[in-house]
């Protein structure tokens, strides 16, 4: 049968895991902030306006699902978006939302090049 191809189970699970990591407003806010470059936890706390413990939890979810990377800088940690494809996913989702709701202004998310 030459019909549509299904995703292999392992790939479908990996995509679902990534979508799970992007499934909360707070994690999307963090990702949108990190699109401008690596940031420390303190910088993310200041920008997003959540408690440090909540930000750390959300960053752990993003890291565990391969959305962000972490690098130690002395006593602090610096987080960055793993790759530009993830910013593209966010940009595409925002494009979809703004096309559905024409009254909503499009936020400034740069698409992956």
C-alpha atoms as a PDB file:
ATOM      1  CA  UNK A   1       0.000   0.000   0.000  1.00  0.00           C
ATOM      2  CA  UNK A   2       1.437   3.385  -1.012  1.00  0.00           C
ATOM      3  CA  UNK A   3      -0.747   5.580   1.195  1.00  0.00           C
ATOM      4  CA  UNK A   4       0.361   8.275   3.599  1.00  0.00           C
ATOM      5  CA  UNK A   5       3.326   7.406   5.762  1.00  0.00           C
ATOM      6  CA  UNK A   6       3.016   7.347   9.536  1.00  0.00           C
ATOM      7  CA  UNK A   7       5.743   8.634  11.788  1.00  0.00           C
ATOM      8  CA  UNK A   8       7.845   5.927  13.402  1.00  0.00           C
ATOM      9  CA  UNK A   9       6.766   5.554  17.054  1.00  0.00           C
ATOM     10  CA  UNK A  10      10.105   6.797  18.424  1.00  0.00           C
ATOM     11  CA  UNK A  11      10.002   9.951  16.278  1.00  0.00           C
ATOM     12  CA  UNK A  12       6.366  10.601  17.187  1.00  0.00           C
ATOM     13  CA  UNK A  13       7.300  10.339  20.880  1.00  0.00           C
ATOM     14  CA  UNK A  14      10.215  12.770  20.468  1.00  0.00           C
ATOM     15  CA  UNK A  15       7.973  15.303  18.706  1.00  0.00           C
ATOM     16  CA  UNK A  16       5.321  14.893  21.418  1.00  0.00           C
ATOM     17  CA  UNK A  17       7.985  15.442  24.099  1.00  0.00           C
ATOM     18  CA  UNK A  18       9.097  18.665  22.419  1.00  0.00           C
ATOM     19  CA  UNK A  19       5.517  19.867  22.096  1.00  0.00           C
ATOM     20  CA  UNK A  20       4.968  19.067  25.781  1.00  0.00           C
ATOM     21  CA  UNK A  21       7.982  21.204  26.683  1.00  0.00           C
ATOM     22  CA  UNK A  22       6.447  24.088  24.732  1.00  0.00           C
ATOM     23  CA  UNK A  23       2.955  23.608  26.155  1.00  0.00           C
ATOM     24  CA  UNK A  24       2.862  26.208  28.933  1.00  0.00           C
ATOM     25  CA  UNK A  25       2.777  29.995  28.689  1.00  0.00           C
ATOM     26  CA  UNK A  26       5.672  30.370  31.134  1.00  0.00           C
ATOM     27  CA  UNK A  27       7.965  28.100  29.113  1.00  0.00           C
ATOM     28  CA  UNK A  28       6.995  29.930  25.917  1.00  0.00           C
ATOM     29  CA  UNK A  29       7.818  33.263  27.606  1.00  0.00           C
ATOM     30  CA  UNK A  30      11.224  31.896  28.594  1.00  0.00           C
ATOM     31  CA  UNK A  31      11.860  30.610  25.069  1.00  0.00           C
ATOM     32  CA  UNK A  32      10.824  33.944  23.540  1.00  0.00           C
ATOM     33  CA  UNK A  33      13.237  35.738  25.867  1.00  0.00           C
ATOM     34  CA  UNK A  34      16.073  33.321  25.120  1.00  0.00           C
ATOM     35  CA  UNK A  35      15.720  33.876  21.378  1.00  0.00           C
ATOM     36  CA  UNK A  36      17.804  37.025  21.883  1.00  0.00           C
ATOM     37  CA  UNK A  37      20.754  35.071  23.245  1.00  0.00           C
ATOM     38  CA  UNK A  38      21.941  33.126  26.275  1.00  0.00           C
ATOM     39  CA  UNK A  39      20.758  34.397  29.647  1.00  0.00           C
ATOM     40  CA  UNK A  40      21.381  33.558  33.283  1.00  0.00           C
ATOM     41  CA  UNK A  41      18.603  32.407  35.589  1.00  0.00           C
ATOM     42  CA  UNK A  42      18.646  35.820  37.285  1.00  0.00           C
ATOM     43  CA  UNK A  43      18.152  37.608  33.968  1.00  0.00           C
ATOM     44  CA  UNK A  44      15.281  35.285  33.089  1.00  0.00           C
ATOM     45  CA  UNK A  45      13.665  35.846  36.499  1.00  0.00           C
ATOM     46  CA  UNK A  46      13.856  39.626  36.014  1.00  0.00           C
ATOM     47  CA  UNK A  47      12.452  39.468  32.477  1.00  0.00           C
ATOM     48  CA  UNK A  48       9.663  36.963  33.011  1.00  0.00           C
ATOM     49  CA  UNK A  49       8.656  38.111  36.497  1.00  0.00           C
ATOM     50  CA  UNK A  50       8.315  34.698  38.126  1.00  0.00           C
ATOM     51  CA  UNK A  51       9.942  33.378  41.275  1.00  0.00           C
ATOM     52  CA  UNK A  52      13.433  31.925  40.848  1.00  0.00           C
ATOM     53  CA  UNK A  53      12.268  28.455  41.931  1.00  0.00           C
ATOM     54  CA  UNK A  54       9.492  28.467  39.321  1.00  0.00           C
ATOM     55  CA  UNK A  55      11.896  29.598  36.587  1.00  0.00           C
ATOM     56  CA  UNK A  56      14.378  26.890  37.601  1.00  0.00           C
ATOM     57  CA  UNK A  57      11.642  24.271  37.385  1.00  0.00           C
ATOM     58  CA  UNK A  58      10.548  25.438  33.933  1.00  0.00           C
ATOM     59  CA  UNK A  59      14.159  25.545  32.726  1.00  0.00           C
ATOM     60  CA  UNK A  60      14.646  21.978  33.985  1.00  0.00           C
ATOM     61  CA  UNK A  61      11.646  20.845  31.893  1.00  0.00           C
ATOM     62  CA  UNK A  62      13.015  22.673  28.839  1.00  0.00           C
ATOM     63  CA  UNK A  63      16.473  21.188  29.380  1.00  0.00           C
ATOM     64  CA  UNK A  64      15.160  17.659  29.963  1.00  0.00           C
ATOM     65  CA  UNK A  65      13.239  17.861  26.675  1.00  0.00           C
ATOM     66  CA  UNK A  66      16.244  19.186  24.706  1.00  0.00           C
ATOM     67  CA  UNK A  67      14.793  22.636  24.119  1.00  0.00           C
ATOM     68  CA  UNK A  68      17.522  24.587  25.920  1.00  0.00           C
ATOM     69  CA  UNK A  69      21.159  24.029  26.774  1.00  0.00           C
ATOM     70  CA  UNK A  70      22.905  25.070  29.960  1.00  0.00           C
ATOM     71  CA  UNK A  71      26.455  26.236  30.568  1.00  0.00           C
ATOM     72  CA  UNK A  72      28.081  26.903  33.910  1.00  0.00           C
ATOM     73  CA  UNK A  73      29.572  30.358  34.368  1.00  0.00           C
ATOM     74  CA  UNK A  74      31.287  30.300  37.746  1.00  0.00           C
ATOM     75  CA  UNK A  75      28.490  30.009  40.288  1.00  0.00           C
ATOM     76  CA  UNK A  76      25.697  30.760  37.833  1.00  0.00           C
ATOM     77  CA  UNK A  77      24.212  28.950  34.875  1.00  0.00           C
ATOM     78  CA  UNK A  78      23.499  30.371  31.474  1.00  0.00           C
ATOM     79  CA  UNK A  79      20.664  28.992  29.352  1.00  0.00           C
ATOM     80  CA  UNK A  80      20.284  29.167  25.579  1.00  0.00           C
ATOM     81  CA  UNK A  81      17.852  27.861  22.972  1.00  0.00           C
ATOM     82  CA  UNK A  82      19.258  24.587  21.658  1.00  0.00           C
ATOM     83  CA  UNK A  83      18.753  25.492  17.986  1.00  0.00           C
ATOM     84  CA  UNK A  84      17.018  27.937  15.664  1.00  0.00           C
ATOM     85  CA  UNK A  85      14.407  25.352  14.659  1.00  0.00           C
ATOM     86  CA  UNK A  86      12.755  25.836  18.041  1.00  0.00           C
ATOM     87  CA  UNK A  87      12.491  29.587  17.469  1.00  0.00           C
ATOM     88  CA  UNK A  88      10.978  28.749  14.077  1.00  0.00           C
ATOM     89  CA  UNK A  89       8.352  26.576  15.761  1.00  0.00           C
ATOM     90  CA  UNK A  90       7.457  29.472  18.051  1.00  0.00           C
ATOM     91  CA  UNK A  91       7.376  31.938  15.150  1.00  0.00           C
ATOM     92  CA  UNK A  92       5.157  29.591  13.115  1.00  0.00           C
ATOM     93  CA  UNK A  93       2.774  29.106  16.049  1.00  0.00           C
ATOM     94  CA  UNK A  94       2.538  32.890  16.489  1.00  0.00           C
ATOM     95  CA  UNK A  95       1.898  33.333  12.768  1.00  0.00           C
ATOM     96  CA  UNK A  96      -0.901  30.793  13.003  1.00  0.00           C
ATOM     97  CA  UNK A  97      -2.472  32.549  16.011  1.00  0.00           C
ATOM     98  CA  UNK A  98      -2.284  35.992  14.409  1.00  0.00           C
ATOM     99  CA  UNK A  99      -3.747  34.680  11.143  1.00  0.00           C
ATOM    100  CA  UNK A 100      -6.675  33.138  13.025  1.00  0.00           C
ATOM    101  CA  UNK A 101      -7.238  36.246  15.147  1.00  0.00           C
ATOM    102  CA  UNK A 102      -6.628  39.179  12.798  1.00  0.00           C
ATOM    103  CA  UNK A 103      -7.137  41.662  15.651  1.00  0.00           C
ATOM    104  CA  UNK A 104      -4.096  40.295  17.502  1.00  0.00           C
ATOM    105  CA  UNK A 105      -0.814  42.129  16.737  1.00  0.00           C
ATOM    106  CA  UNK A 106       2.069  39.886  15.750  1.00  0.00           C
ATOM    107  CA  UNK A 107       4.809  39.780  18.443  1.00  0.00           C
ATOM    108  CA  UNK A 108       8.446  40.152  17.465  1.00  0.00           C
ATOM    109  CA  UNK A 109       9.719  36.586  17.115  1.00  0.00           C
ATOM    110  CA  UNK A 110      12.350  36.032  14.511  1.00  0.00           C
ATOM    111  CA  UNK A 111      11.831  33.004  12.311  1.00  0.00           C
ATOM    112  CA  UNK A 112      14.636  30.522  11.775  1.00  0.00           C
ATOM    113  CA  UNK A 113      16.673  31.264   8.682  1.00  0.00           C
END
